mmCIF file of all heavy atoms, coordinates in Angstrom:
data_MODEL
# 
_entry.id   MODEL 
# 
loop_
_atom_site.group_PDB 
_atom_site.id 
_atom_site.type_symbol 
_atom_site.label_atom_id 
_atom_site.label_alt_id 
_atom_site.label_comp_id 
_atom_site.label_asym_id 
_atom_site.label_entity_id 
_atom_site.label_seq_id 
_atom_site.pdbx_PDB_ins_code 
_atom_site.Cartn_x 
_atom_site.Cartn_y 
_atom_site.Cartn_z 
_atom_site.occupancy 
_atom_site.B_iso_or_equiv 
_atom_site.pdbx_formal_charge 
_atom_site.auth_seq_id 
_atom_site.auth_comp_id 
_atom_site.auth_asym_id 
_atom_site.auth_atom_id 
_atom_site.pdbx_PDB_model_num 
ATOM 1   N N   . TYR A 1 1  ? 0.858  -1.184  0.000   1.00 0.00 ? 1  TYR A N   1 
ATOM 2   C CA  . TYR A 1 1  ? 0.000  0.000   0.000   1.00 0.00 ? 1  TYR A CA  1 
ATOM 3   C C   . TYR A 1 1  ? 0.898  1.238   0.000   1.00 0.00 ? 1  TYR A C   1 
ATOM 4   O O   . TYR A 1 1  ? 1.826  1.340   0.810   1.00 0.00 ? 1  TYR A O   1 
ATOM 5   C CB  . TYR A 1 1  ? -0.896 0.013   1.241   1.00 0.00 ? 1  TYR A CB  1 
ATOM 6   C CG  . TYR A 1 1  ? -1.735 -1.231  1.402   1.00 0.00 ? 1  TYR A CG  1 
ATOM 7   C CD1 . TYR A 1 1  ? -1.237 -2.344  2.084   1.00 0.00 ? 1  TYR A CD1 1 
ATOM 8   C CD2 . TYR A 1 1  ? -3.015 -1.306  0.874   1.00 0.00 ? 1  TYR A CD2 1 
ATOM 9   C CE1 . TYR A 1 1  ? -1.984 -3.494  2.232   1.00 0.00 ? 1  TYR A CE1 1 
ATOM 10  C CE2 . TYR A 1 1  ? -3.782 -2.463  1.025   1.00 0.00 ? 1  TYR A CE2 1 
ATOM 11  C CZ  . TYR A 1 1  ? -3.266 -3.551  1.705   1.00 0.00 ? 1  TYR A CZ  1 
ATOM 12  O OH  . TYR A 1 1  ? -4.019 -4.699  1.842   1.00 0.00 ? 1  TYR A OH  1 
ATOM 13  N N   . GLY A 1 2  ? 0.610  2.167   -0.908  1.00 0.00 ? 2  GLY A N   1 
ATOM 14  C CA  . GLY A 1 2  ? 1.463  3.340   -0.978  1.00 0.00 ? 2  GLY A CA  1 
ATOM 15  C C   . GLY A 1 2  ? 0.802  4.514   -1.659  1.00 0.00 ? 2  GLY A C   1 
ATOM 16  O O   . GLY A 1 2  ? -0.381 4.470   -2.015  1.00 0.00 ? 2  GLY A O   1 
ATOM 17  N N   . ASP A 1 3  ? 1.578  5.589   -1.838  1.00 0.00 ? 3  ASP A N   1 
ATOM 18  C CA  . ASP A 1 3  ? 1.071  6.842   -2.400  1.00 0.00 ? 3  ASP A CA  1 
ATOM 19  C C   . ASP A 1 3  ? 1.587  7.054   -3.814  1.00 0.00 ? 3  ASP A C   1 
ATOM 20  O O   . ASP A 1 3  ? 2.757  6.787   -4.114  1.00 0.00 ? 3  ASP A O   1 
ATOM 21  C CB  . ASP A 1 3  ? 1.526  8.034   -1.545  1.00 0.00 ? 3  ASP A CB  1 
ATOM 22  C CG  . ASP A 1 3  ? 0.934  7.993   -0.143  1.00 0.00 ? 3  ASP A CG  1 
ATOM 23  O OD1 . ASP A 1 3  ? -0.153 7.400   0.007   1.00 0.00 ? 3  ASP A OD1 1 
ATOM 24  O OD2 . ASP A 1 3  ? 1.563  8.544   0.772   1.00 0.00 ? 3  ASP A OD2 1 
ATOM 25  N N   . VAL A 1 4  ? 0.685  7.543   -4.667  1.00 0.00 ? 4  VAL A N   1 
ATOM 26  C CA  . VAL A 1 4  ? 1.044  7.995   -6.006  1.00 0.00 ? 4  VAL A CA  1 
ATOM 27  C C   . VAL A 1 4  ? 0.578  9.433   -6.131  1.00 0.00 ? 4  VAL A C   1 
ATOM 28  O O   . VAL A 1 4  ? -0.564 9.758   -5.785  1.00 0.00 ? 4  VAL A O   1 
ATOM 29  C CB  . VAL A 1 4  ? 0.382  7.114   -7.090  1.00 0.00 ? 4  VAL A CB  1 
ATOM 30  C CG1 . VAL A 1 4  ? 0.508  7.754   -8.458  1.00 0.00 ? 4  VAL A CG1 1 
ATOM 31  C CG2 . VAL A 1 4  ? 1.003  5.722   -7.096  1.00 0.00 ? 4  VAL A CG2 1 
ATOM 32  N N   . ILE A 1 5  ? 1.444  10.311  -6.598  1.00 0.00 ? 5  ILE A N   1 
ATOM 33  C CA  . ILE A 1 5  ? 1.111  11.730  -6.746  1.00 0.00 ? 5  ILE A CA  1 
ATOM 34  C C   . ILE A 1 5  ? 0.856  12.022  -8.217  1.00 0.00 ? 5  ILE A C   1 
ATOM 35  O O   . ILE A 1 5  ? 1.716  11.769  -9.069  1.00 0.00 ? 5  ILE A O   1 
ATOM 36  C CB  . ILE A 1 5  ? 2.258  12.623  -6.220  1.00 0.00 ? 5  ILE A CB  1 
ATOM 37  C CG1 . ILE A 1 5  ? 2.529  12.303  -4.746  1.00 0.00 ? 5  ILE A CG1 1 
ATOM 38  C CG2 . ILE A 1 5  ? 1.903  14.099  -6.376  1.00 0.00 ? 5  ILE A CG2 1 
ATOM 39  C CD1 . ILE A 1 5  ? 3.713  13.043  -4.164  1.00 0.00 ? 5  ILE A CD1 1 
ATOM 40  N N   . ASP A 1 6  ? -0.342 12.559  -8.534  1.00 0.00 ? 6  ASP A N   1 
ATOM 41  C CA  . ASP A 1 6  ? -0.668 12.824  -9.937  1.00 0.00 ? 6  ASP A CA  1 
ATOM 42  C C   . ASP A 1 6  ? -0.147 14.191  -10.373 1.00 0.00 ? 6  ASP A C   1 
ATOM 43  O O   . ASP A 1 6  ? 0.514  14.906  -9.599  1.00 0.00 ? 6  ASP A O   1 
ATOM 44  C CB  . ASP A 1 6  ? -2.179 12.701  -10.177 1.00 0.00 ? 6  ASP A CB  1 
ATOM 45  C CG  . ASP A 1 6  ? -2.997 13.778  -9.453  1.00 0.00 ? 6  ASP A CG  1 
ATOM 46  O OD1 . ASP A 1 6  ? -2.427 14.810  -9.040  1.00 0.00 ? 6  ASP A OD1 1 
ATOM 47  O OD2 . ASP A 1 6  ? -4.221 13.586  -9.320  1.00 0.00 ? 6  ASP A OD2 1 
ATOM 48  N N   . ALA A 1 7  ? -0.474 14.555  -11.615 1.00 0.00 ? 7  ALA A N   1 
ATOM 49  C CA  . ALA A 1 7  ? 0.052  15.795  -12.196 1.00 0.00 ? 7  ALA A CA  1 
ATOM 50  C C   . ALA A 1 7  ? -0.448 17.042  -11.476 1.00 0.00 ? 7  ALA A C   1 
ATOM 51  O O   . ALA A 1 7  ? 0.177  18.109  -11.563 1.00 0.00 ? 7  ALA A O   1 
ATOM 52  C CB  . ALA A 1 7  ? -0.314 15.870  -13.679 1.00 0.00 ? 7  ALA A CB  1 
ATOM 53  N N   . ASN A 1 8  ? -1.561 16.932  -10.754 1.00 0.00 ? 8  ASN A N   1 
ATOM 54  C CA  . ASN A 1 8  ? -2.116 18.070  -10.012 1.00 0.00 ? 8  ASN A CA  1 
ATOM 55  C C   . ASN A 1 8  ? -1.710 18.044  -8.538  1.00 0.00 ? 8  ASN A C   1 
ATOM 56  O O   . ASN A 1 8  ? -2.316 18.732  -7.719  1.00 0.00 ? 8  ASN A O   1 
ATOM 57  C CB  . ASN A 1 8  ? -3.640 18.070  -10.129 1.00 0.00 ? 8  ASN A CB  1 
ATOM 58  C CG  . ASN A 1 8  ? -4.099 18.267  -11.558 1.00 0.00 ? 8  ASN A CG  1 
ATOM 59  O OD1 . ASN A 1 8  ? -3.528 19.068  -12.299 1.00 0.00 ? 8  ASN A OD1 1 
ATOM 60  N ND2 . ASN A 1 8  ? -5.125 17.530  -11.964 1.00 0.00 ? 8  ASN A ND2 1 
ATOM 61  N N   . SER A 1 9  ? -0.701 17.235  -8.221  1.00 0.00 ? 9  SER A N   1 
ATOM 62  C CA  . SER A 1 9  ? -0.166 17.100  -6.857  1.00 0.00 ? 9  SER A CA  1 
ATOM 63  C C   . SER A 1 9  ? -1.154 16.475  -5.885  1.00 0.00 ? 9  SER A C   1 
ATOM 64  O O   . SER A 1 9  ? -1.021 16.629  -4.670  1.00 0.00 ? 9  SER A O   1 
ATOM 65  C CB  . SER A 1 9  ? 0.303  18.464  -6.322  1.00 0.00 ? 9  SER A CB  1 
ATOM 66  O OG  . SER A 1 9  ? 1.346  18.970  -7.135  1.00 0.00 ? 9  SER A OG  1 
ATOM 67  N N   . ASN A 1 10 ? -2.163 15.765  -6.419  1.00 0.00 ? 10 ASN A N   1 
ATOM 68  C CA  . ASN A 1 10 ? -3.094 15.030  -5.564  1.00 0.00 ? 10 ASN A CA  1 
ATOM 69  C C   . ASN A 1 10 ? -2.488 13.677  -5.207  1.00 0.00 ? 10 ASN A C   1 
ATOM 70  O O   . ASN A 1 10 ? -1.878 13.019  -6.054  1.00 0.00 ? 10 ASN A O   1 
ATOM 71  C CB  . ASN A 1 10 ? -4.431 14.826  -6.272  1.00 0.00 ? 10 ASN A CB  1 
ATOM 72  C CG  . ASN A 1 10 ? -5.131 16.134  -6.565  1.00 0.00 ? 10 ASN A CG  1 
ATOM 73  O OD1 . ASN A 1 10 ? -5.193 17.007  -5.709  1.00 0.00 ? 10 ASN A OD1 1 
ATOM 74  N ND2 . ASN A 1 10 ? -5.656 16.277  -7.781  1.00 0.00 ? 10 ASN A ND2 1 
ATOM 75  N N   . ILE A 1 11 ? -2.671 13.264  -3.965  1.00 0.00 ? 11 ILE A N   1 
ATOM 76  C CA  . ILE A 1 11 ? -2.128 11.989  -3.508  1.00 0.00 ? 11 ILE A CA  1 
ATOM 77  C C   . ILE A 1 11 ? -3.210 10.912  -3.600  1.00 0.00 ? 11 ILE A C   1 
ATOM 78  O O   . ILE A 1 11 ? -4.338 11.106  -3.140  1.00 0.00 ? 11 ILE A O   1 
ATOM 79  C CB  . ILE A 1 11 ? -1.619 12.101  -2.060  1.00 0.00 ? 11 ILE A CB  1 
ATOM 80  C CG1 . ILE A 1 11 ? -0.466 13.107  -1.978  1.00 0.00 ? 11 ILE A CG1 1 
ATOM 81  C CG2 . ILE A 1 11 ? -1.154 10.737  -1.547  1.00 0.00 ? 11 ILE A CG2 1 
ATOM 82  C CD1 . ILE A 1 11 ? 0.031  13.357  -0.573  1.00 0.00 ? 11 ILE A CD1 1 
ATOM 83  N N   . HIS A 1 12 ? -2.866 9.799   -4.211  1.00 0.00 ? 12 HIS A N   1 
ATOM 84  C CA  . HIS A 1 12 ? -3.782 8.672   -4.339  1.00 0.00 ? 12 HIS A CA  1 
ATOM 85  C C   . HIS A 1 12 ? -3.205 7.462   -3.611  1.00 0.00 ? 12 HIS A C   1 
ATOM 86  O O   . HIS A 1 12 ? -2.021 7.159   -3.743  1.00 0.00 ? 12 HIS A O   1 
ATOM 87  C CB  . HIS A 1 12 ? -3.998 8.319   -5.816  1.00 0.00 ? 12 HIS A CB  1 
ATOM 88  C CG  . HIS A 1 12 ? -4.591 9.435   -6.627  1.00 0.00 ? 12 HIS A CG  1 
ATOM 89  N ND1 . HIS A 1 12 ? -5.942 9.610   -6.768  1.00 0.00 ? 12 HIS A ND1 1 
ATOM 90  C CD2 . HIS A 1 12 ? -4.002 10.437  -7.310  1.00 0.00 ? 12 HIS A CD2 1 
ATOM 91  C CE1 . HIS A 1 12 ? -6.166 10.672  -7.525  1.00 0.00 ? 12 HIS A CE1 1 
ATOM 92  N NE2 . HIS A 1 12 ? -5.006 11.186  -7.868  1.00 0.00 ? 12 HIS A NE2 1 
ATOM 93  N N   . GLN A 1 13 ? -4.071 6.784   -2.853  1.00 0.00 ? 13 GLN A N   1 
ATOM 94  C CA  . GLN A 1 13 ? -3.667 5.551   -2.181  1.00 0.00 ? 13 GLN A CA  1 
ATOM 95  C C   . GLN A 1 13 ? -3.805 4.383   -3.177  1.00 0.00 ? 13 GLN A C   1 
ATOM 96  O O   . GLN A 1 13 ? -4.868 4.180   -3.741  1.00 0.00 ? 13 GLN A O   1 
ATOM 97  C CB  . GLN A 1 13 ? -4.551 5.295   -0.962  1.00 0.00 ? 13 GLN A CB  1 
ATOM 98  C CG  . GLN A 1 13 ? -4.548 6.408   0.067   1.00 0.00 ? 13 GLN A CG  1 
ATOM 99  C CD  . GLN A 1 13 ? -3.205 6.561   0.756   1.00 0.00 ? 13 GLN A CD  1 
ATOM 100 O OE1 . GLN A 1 13 ? -2.545 5.577   1.063   1.00 0.00 ? 13 GLN A OE1 1 
ATOM 101 N NE2 . GLN A 1 13 ? -2.798 7.800   0.988   1.00 0.00 ? 13 GLN A NE2 1 
ATOM 102 N N   . ILE A 1 14 ? -2.725 3.661   -3.373  1.00 0.00 ? 14 ILE A N   1 
ATOM 103 C CA  . ILE A 1 14 ? -2.690 2.585   -4.352  1.00 0.00 ? 14 ILE A CA  1 
ATOM 104 C C   . ILE A 1 14 ? -2.366 1.265   -3.656  1.00 0.00 ? 14 ILE A C   1 
ATOM 105 O O   . ILE A 1 14 ? -1.561 1.218   -2.727  1.00 0.00 ? 14 ILE A O   1 
ATOM 106 C CB  . ILE A 1 14 ? -1.625 2.870   -5.444  1.00 0.00 ? 14 ILE A CB  1 
ATOM 107 C CG1 . ILE A 1 14 ? -1.980 4.135   -6.213  1.00 0.00 ? 14 ILE A CG1 1 
ATOM 108 C CG2 . ILE A 1 14 ? -1.491 1.680   -6.401  1.00 0.00 ? 14 ILE A CG2 1 
ATOM 109 C CD1 . ILE A 1 14 ? -3.269 4.041   -6.998  1.00 0.00 ? 14 ILE A CD1 1 
ATOM 110 N N   . THR A 1 15 ? -3.015 0.187   -4.128  1.00 0.00 ? 15 THR A N   1 
ATOM 111 C CA  . THR A 1 15 ? -2.734 -1.157  -3.623  1.00 0.00 ? 15 THR A CA  1 
ATOM 112 C C   . THR A 1 15 ? -2.162 -2.009  -4.742  1.00 0.00 ? 15 THR A C   1 
ATOM 113 O O   . THR A 1 15 ? -2.679 -1.996  -5.869  1.00 0.00 ? 15 THR A O   1 
ATOM 114 C CB  . THR A 1 15 ? -4.013 -1.823  -3.091  1.00 0.00 ? 15 THR A CB  1 
ATOM 115 O OG1 . THR A 1 15 ? -4.621 -0.978  -2.115  1.00 0.00 ? 15 THR A OG1 1 
ATOM 116 C CG2 . THR A 1 15 ? -3.704 -3.172  -2.453  1.00 0.00 ? 15 THR A CG2 1 
ATOM 117 N N   . VAL A 1 16 ? -1.113 -2.753  -4.427  1.00 0.00 ? 16 VAL A N   1 
ATOM 118 C CA  . VAL A 1 16 ? -0.453 -3.612  -5.404  1.00 0.00 ? 16 VAL A CA  1 
ATOM 119 C C   . VAL A 1 16 ? -0.303 -5.003  -4.808  1.00 0.00 ? 16 VAL A C   1 
ATOM 120 O O   . VAL A 1 16 ? 0.061  -5.136  -3.639  1.00 0.00 ? 16 VAL A O   1 
ATOM 121 C CB  . VAL A 1 16 ? 0.949  -3.062  -5.773  1.00 0.00 ? 16 VAL A CB  1 
ATOM 122 C CG1 . VAL A 1 16 ? 1.655  -4.000  -6.750  1.00 0.00 ? 16 VAL A CG1 1 
ATOM 123 C CG2 . VAL A 1 16 ? 0.835  -1.665  -6.342  1.00 0.00 ? 16 VAL A CG2 1 
ATOM 124 N N   . ARG A 1 17 ? -0.619 -6.024  -5.601  1.00 0.00 ? 17 ARG A N   1 
ATOM 125 C CA  . ARG A 1 17 ? -0.361 -7.392  -5.164  1.00 0.00 ? 17 ARG A CA  1 
ATOM 126 C C   . ARG A 1 17 ? 0.942  -7.883  -5.773  1.00 0.00 ? 17 ARG A C   1 
ATOM 127 O O   . ARG A 1 17 ? 1.159  -7.725  -6.979  1.00 0.00 ? 17 ARG A O   1 
ATOM 128 C CB  . ARG A 1 17 ? -1.497 -8.338  -5.571  1.00 0.00 ? 17 ARG A CB  1 
ATOM 129 C CG  . ARG A 1 17 ? -1.365 -9.709  -4.914  1.00 0.00 ? 17 ARG A CG  1 
ATOM 130 C CD  . ARG A 1 17 ? -2.581 -10.568 -5.152  1.00 0.00 ? 17 ARG A CD  1 
ATOM 131 N NE  . ARG A 1 17 ? -2.579 -11.165 -6.474  1.00 0.00 ? 17 ARG A NE  1 
ATOM 132 C CZ  . ARG A 1 17 ? -3.546 -11.940 -6.951  1.00 0.00 ? 17 ARG A CZ  1 
ATOM 133 N NH1 . ARG A 1 17 ? -4.606 -12.176 -6.201  1.00 0.00 ? 17 ARG A NH1 1 
ATOM 134 N NH2 . ARG A 1 17 ? -3.481 -12.449 -8.161  1.00 0.00 ? 17 ARG A NH2 1 
ATOM 135 N N   . THR A 1 18 ? 1.808  -8.452  -4.961  1.00 0.00 ? 18 THR A N   1 
ATOM 136 C CA  . THR A 1 18 ? 3.102  -8.922  -5.439  1.00 0.00 ? 18 THR A CA  1 
ATOM 137 C C   . THR A 1 18 ? 3.312  -10.384 -5.062  1.00 0.00 ? 18 THR A C   1 
ATOM 138 O O   . THR A 1 18 ? 2.539  -10.968 -4.303  1.00 0.00 ? 18 THR A O   1 
ATOM 139 C CB  . THR A 1 18 ? 4.255  -8.093  -4.825  1.00 0.00 ? 18 THR A CB  1 
ATOM 140 O OG1 . THR A 1 18 ? 4.297  -8.340  -3.411  1.00 0.00 ? 18 THR A OG1 1 
ATOM 141 C CG2 . THR A 1 18 ? 4.065  -6.611  -5.085  1.00 0.00 ? 18 THR A CG2 1 
ATOM 142 N N   . GLU A 1 19 ? 4.376  -10.962 -5.591  1.00 0.00 ? 19 GLU A N   1 
ATOM 143 C CA  . GLU A 1 19 ? 4.775  -12.319 -5.231  1.00 0.00 ? 19 GLU A CA  1 
ATOM 144 C C   . GLU A 1 19 ? 5.217  -12.323 -3.766  1.00 0.00 ? 19 GLU A C   1 
ATOM 145 O O   . GLU A 1 19 ? 5.968  -11.450 -3.335  1.00 0.00 ? 19 GLU A O   1 
ATOM 146 C CB  . GLU A 1 19 ? 5.911  -12.761 -6.161  1.00 0.00 ? 19 GLU A CB  1 
ATOM 147 C CG  . GLU A 1 19 ? 6.068  -14.276 -6.252  1.00 0.00 ? 19 GLU A CG  1 
ATOM 148 C CD  . GLU A 1 19 ? 6.911  -14.828 -5.111  1.00 0.00 ? 19 GLU A CD  1 
ATOM 149 O OE1 . GLU A 1 19 ? 7.864  -14.147 -4.697  1.00 0.00 ? 19 GLU A OE1 1 
ATOM 150 O OE2 . GLU A 1 19 ? 6.605  -15.943 -4.634  1.00 0.00 ? 19 GLU A OE2 1 
ATOM 151 N N   . GLY A 1 20 ? 4.747  -13.287 -3.006  1.00 0.00 ? 20 GLY A N   1 
ATOM 152 C CA  . GLY A 1 20 ? 4.920  -13.271 -1.553  1.00 0.00 ? 20 GLY A CA  1 
ATOM 153 C C   . GLY A 1 20 ? 6.352  -13.320 -1.071  1.00 0.00 ? 20 GLY A C   1 
ATOM 154 O O   . GLY A 1 20 ? 6.649  -12.878 0.042   1.00 0.00 ? 20 GLY A O   1 
ATOM 155 N N   . ARG A 1 21 ? 7.249  -13.852 -1.870  1.00 0.00 ? 21 ARG A N   1 
ATOM 156 C CA  . ARG A 1 21 ? 8.637  -13.977 -1.425  1.00 0.00 ? 21 ARG A CA  1 
ATOM 157 C C   . ARG A 1 21 ? 9.535  -12.854 -1.945  1.00 0.00 ? 21 ARG A C   1 
ATOM 158 O O   . ARG A 1 21 ? 10.746 -12.908 -1.778  1.00 0.00 ? 21 ARG A O   1 
ATOM 159 C CB  . ARG A 1 21 ? 9.187  -15.336 -1.852  1.00 0.00 ? 21 ARG A CB  1 
ATOM 160 C CG  . ARG A 1 21 ? 8.506  -16.513 -1.157  1.00 0.00 ? 21 ARG A CG  1 
ATOM 161 C CD  . ARG A 1 21 ? 9.024  -17.846 -1.641  1.00 0.00 ? 21 ARG A CD  1 
ATOM 162 N NE  . ARG A 1 21 ? 8.405  -18.948 -0.908  1.00 0.00 ? 21 ARG A NE  1 
ATOM 163 C CZ  . ARG A 1 21 ? 7.213  -19.467 -1.207  1.00 0.00 ? 21 ARG A CZ  1 
ATOM 164 N NH1 . ARG A 1 21 ? 6.522  -18.969 -2.224  1.00 0.00 ? 21 ARG A NH1 1 
ATOM 165 N NH2 . ARG A 1 21 ? 6.720  -20.458 -0.499  1.00 0.00 ? 21 ARG A NH2 1 
ATOM 166 N N   . ASN A 1 22 ? 8.921  -11.886 -2.591  1.00 0.00 ? 22 ASN A N   1 
ATOM 167 C CA  . ASN A 1 22 ? 9.718  -10.782 -3.138  1.00 0.00 ? 22 ASN A CA  1 
ATOM 168 C C   . ASN A 1 22 ? 8.945  -9.475  -2.979  1.00 0.00 ? 22 ASN A C   1 
ATOM 169 O O   . ASN A 1 22 ? 8.571  -8.829  -3.953  1.00 0.00 ? 22 ASN A O   1 
ATOM 170 C CB  . ASN A 1 22 ? 10.050 -11.049 -4.607  1.00 0.00 ? 22 ASN A CB  1 
ATOM 171 C CG  . ASN A 1 22 ? 11.035 -10.044 -5.174  1.00 0.00 ? 22 ASN A CG  1 
ATOM 172 O OD1 . ASN A 1 22 ? 11.836 -9.459  -4.432  1.00 0.00 ? 22 ASN A OD1 1 
ATOM 173 N ND2 . ASN A 1 22 ? 10.978 -9.841  -6.477  1.00 0.00 ? 22 ASN A ND2 1 
ATOM 174 N N   . ILE A 1 23 ? 8.674  -9.090  -1.726  1.00 0.00 ? 23 ILE A N   1 
ATOM 175 C CA  . ILE A 1 23 ? 7.846  -7.923  -1.439  1.00 0.00 ? 23 ILE A CA  1 
ATOM 176 C C   . ILE A 1 23 ? 8.733  -6.698  -1.201  1.00 0.00 ? 23 ILE A C   1 
ATOM 177 O O   . ILE A 1 23 ? 9.726  -6.782  -0.465  1.00 0.00 ? 23 ILE A O   1 
ATOM 178 C CB  . ILE A 1 23 ? 6.978  -8.173  -0.186  1.00 0.00 ? 23 ILE A CB  1 
ATOM 179 C CG1 . ILE A 1 23 ? 6.178  -9.473  -0.343  1.00 0.00 ? 23 ILE A CG1 1 
ATOM 180 C CG2 . ILE A 1 23 ? 6.032  -7.009  0.061   1.00 0.00 ? 23 ILE A CG2 1 
ATOM 181 C CD1 . ILE A 1 23 ? 5.407  -9.853  0.900   1.00 0.00 ? 23 ILE A CD1 1 
ATOM 182 N N   . PRO A 1 24 ? 8.407  -5.540  -1.805  1.00 0.00 ? 24 PRO A N   1 
ATOM 183 C CA  . PRO A 1 24 ? 9.151  -4.308  -1.517  1.00 0.00 ? 24 PRO A CA  1 
ATOM 184 C C   . PRO A 1 24 ? 9.098  -3.980  -0.027  1.00 0.00 ? 24 PRO A C   1 
ATOM 185 O O   . PRO A 1 24 ? 8.190  -4.403  0.693   1.00 0.00 ? 24 PRO A O   1 
ATOM 186 C CB  . PRO A 1 24 ? 8.425  -3.256  -2.347  1.00 0.00 ? 24 PRO A CB  1 
ATOM 187 C CG  . PRO A 1 24 ? 7.731  -4.015  -3.428  1.00 0.00 ? 24 PRO A CG  1 
ATOM 188 C CD  . PRO A 1 24 ? 7.362  -5.331  -2.814  1.00 0.00 ? 24 PRO A CD  1 
ATOM 189 N N   . ARG A 1 25 ? 10.065 -3.214  0.439   1.00 0.00 ? 25 ARG A N   1 
ATOM 190 C CA  . ARG A 1 25 ? 10.127 -2.852  1.859   1.00 0.00 ? 25 ARG A CA  1 
ATOM 191 C C   . ARG A 1 25 ? 9.384  -1.544  2.127   1.00 0.00 ? 25 ARG A C   1 
ATOM 192 O O   . ARG A 1 25 ? 9.280  -0.678  1.254   1.00 0.00 ? 25 ARG A O   1 
ATOM 193 C CB  . ARG A 1 25 ? 11.586 -2.707  2.298   1.00 0.00 ? 25 ARG A CB  1 
ATOM 194 C CG  . ARG A 1 25 ? 12.386 -4.002  2.257   1.00 0.00 ? 25 ARG A CG  1 
ATOM 195 C CD  . ARG A 1 25 ? 13.792 -3.784  2.795   1.00 0.00 ? 25 ARG A CD  1 
ATOM 196 N NE  . ARG A 1 25 ? 14.515 -2.800  2.029   1.00 0.00 ? 25 ARG A NE  1 
ATOM 197 C CZ  . ARG A 1 25 ? 15.192 -3.074  0.914   1.00 0.00 ? 25 ARG A CZ  1 
ATOM 198 N NH1 . ARG A 1 25 ? 15.215 -4.312  0.441   1.00 0.00 ? 25 ARG A NH1 1 
ATOM 199 N NH2 . ARG A 1 25 ? 15.841 -2.114  0.277   1.00 0.00 ? 25 ARG A NH2 1 
ATOM 200 N N   . ARG A 1 26 ? 8.899  -1.395  3.347   1.00 0.00 ? 26 ARG A N   1 
ATOM 201 C CA  . ARG A 1 26 ? 8.252  -0.154  3.771   1.00 0.00 ? 26 ARG A CA  1 
ATOM 202 C C   . ARG A 1 26 ? 9.239  1.009   3.654   1.00 0.00 ? 26 ARG A C   1 
ATOM 203 O O   . ARG A 1 26 ? 10.408 0.898   4.039   1.00 0.00 ? 26 ARG A O   1 
ATOM 204 C CB  . ARG A 1 26 ? 7.787  -0.298  5.217   1.00 0.00 ? 26 ARG A CB  1 
ATOM 205 C CG  . ARG A 1 26 ? 7.073  0.920   5.758   1.00 0.00 ? 26 ARG A CG  1 
ATOM 206 C CD  . ARG A 1 26 ? 6.630  0.678   7.187   1.00 0.00 ? 26 ARG A CD  1 
ATOM 207 N NE  . ARG A 1 26 ? 6.013  1.861   7.743   1.00 0.00 ? 26 ARG A NE  1 
ATOM 208 C CZ  . ARG A 1 26 ? 5.565  1.956   8.993   1.00 0.00 ? 26 ARG A CZ  1 
ATOM 209 N NH1 . ARG A 1 26 ? 5.669  0.914   9.806   1.00 0.00 ? 26 ARG A NH1 1 
ATOM 210 N NH2 . ARG A 1 26 ? 5.006  3.076   9.425   1.00 0.00 ? 26 ARG A NH2 1 
ATOM 211 N N   . GLY A 1 27 ? 8.758  2.129   3.106   1.00 0.00 ? 27 GLY A N   1 
ATOM 212 C CA  . GLY A 1 27 ? 9.603  3.300   2.914   1.00 0.00 ? 27 GLY A CA  1 
ATOM 213 C C   . GLY A 1 27 ? 10.322 3.334   1.584   1.00 0.00 ? 27 GLY A C   1 
ATOM 214 O O   . GLY A 1 27 ? 10.905 4.361   1.203   1.00 0.00 ? 27 GLY A O   1 
ATOM 215 N N   . GLU A 1 28 ? 10.259 2.239   0.851   1.00 0.00 ? 28 GLU A N   1 
ATOM 216 C CA  . GLU A 1 28 ? 10.941 2.147   -0.439  1.00 0.00 ? 28 GLU A CA  1 
ATOM 217 C C   . GLU A 1 28 ? 10.150 2.887   -1.521  1.00 0.00 ? 28 GLU A C   1 
ATOM 218 O O   . GLU A 1 28 ? 8.923  2.995   -1.459  1.00 0.00 ? 28 GLU A O   1 
ATOM 219 C CB  . GLU A 1 28 ? 11.094 0.671   -0.810  1.00 0.00 ? 28 GLU A CB  1 
ATOM 220 C CG  . GLU A 1 28 ? 11.964 0.399   -2.015  1.00 0.00 ? 28 GLU A CG  1 
ATOM 221 C CD  . GLU A 1 28 ? 12.138 -1.097  -2.272  1.00 0.00 ? 28 GLU A CD  1 
ATOM 222 O OE1 . GLU A 1 28 ? 11.773 -1.899  -1.395  1.00 0.00 ? 28 GLU A OE1 1 
ATOM 223 O OE2 . GLU A 1 28 ? 12.634 -1.446  -3.359  1.00 0.00 ? 28 GLU A OE2 1 
# 
């Protein structure tokens, strides 16, 4: 779960499903 900033500087909460043994780290 993380933030994506669009062209108007609005922040959107995004959810991504990944492979369980190769998950990005918090803060990355």
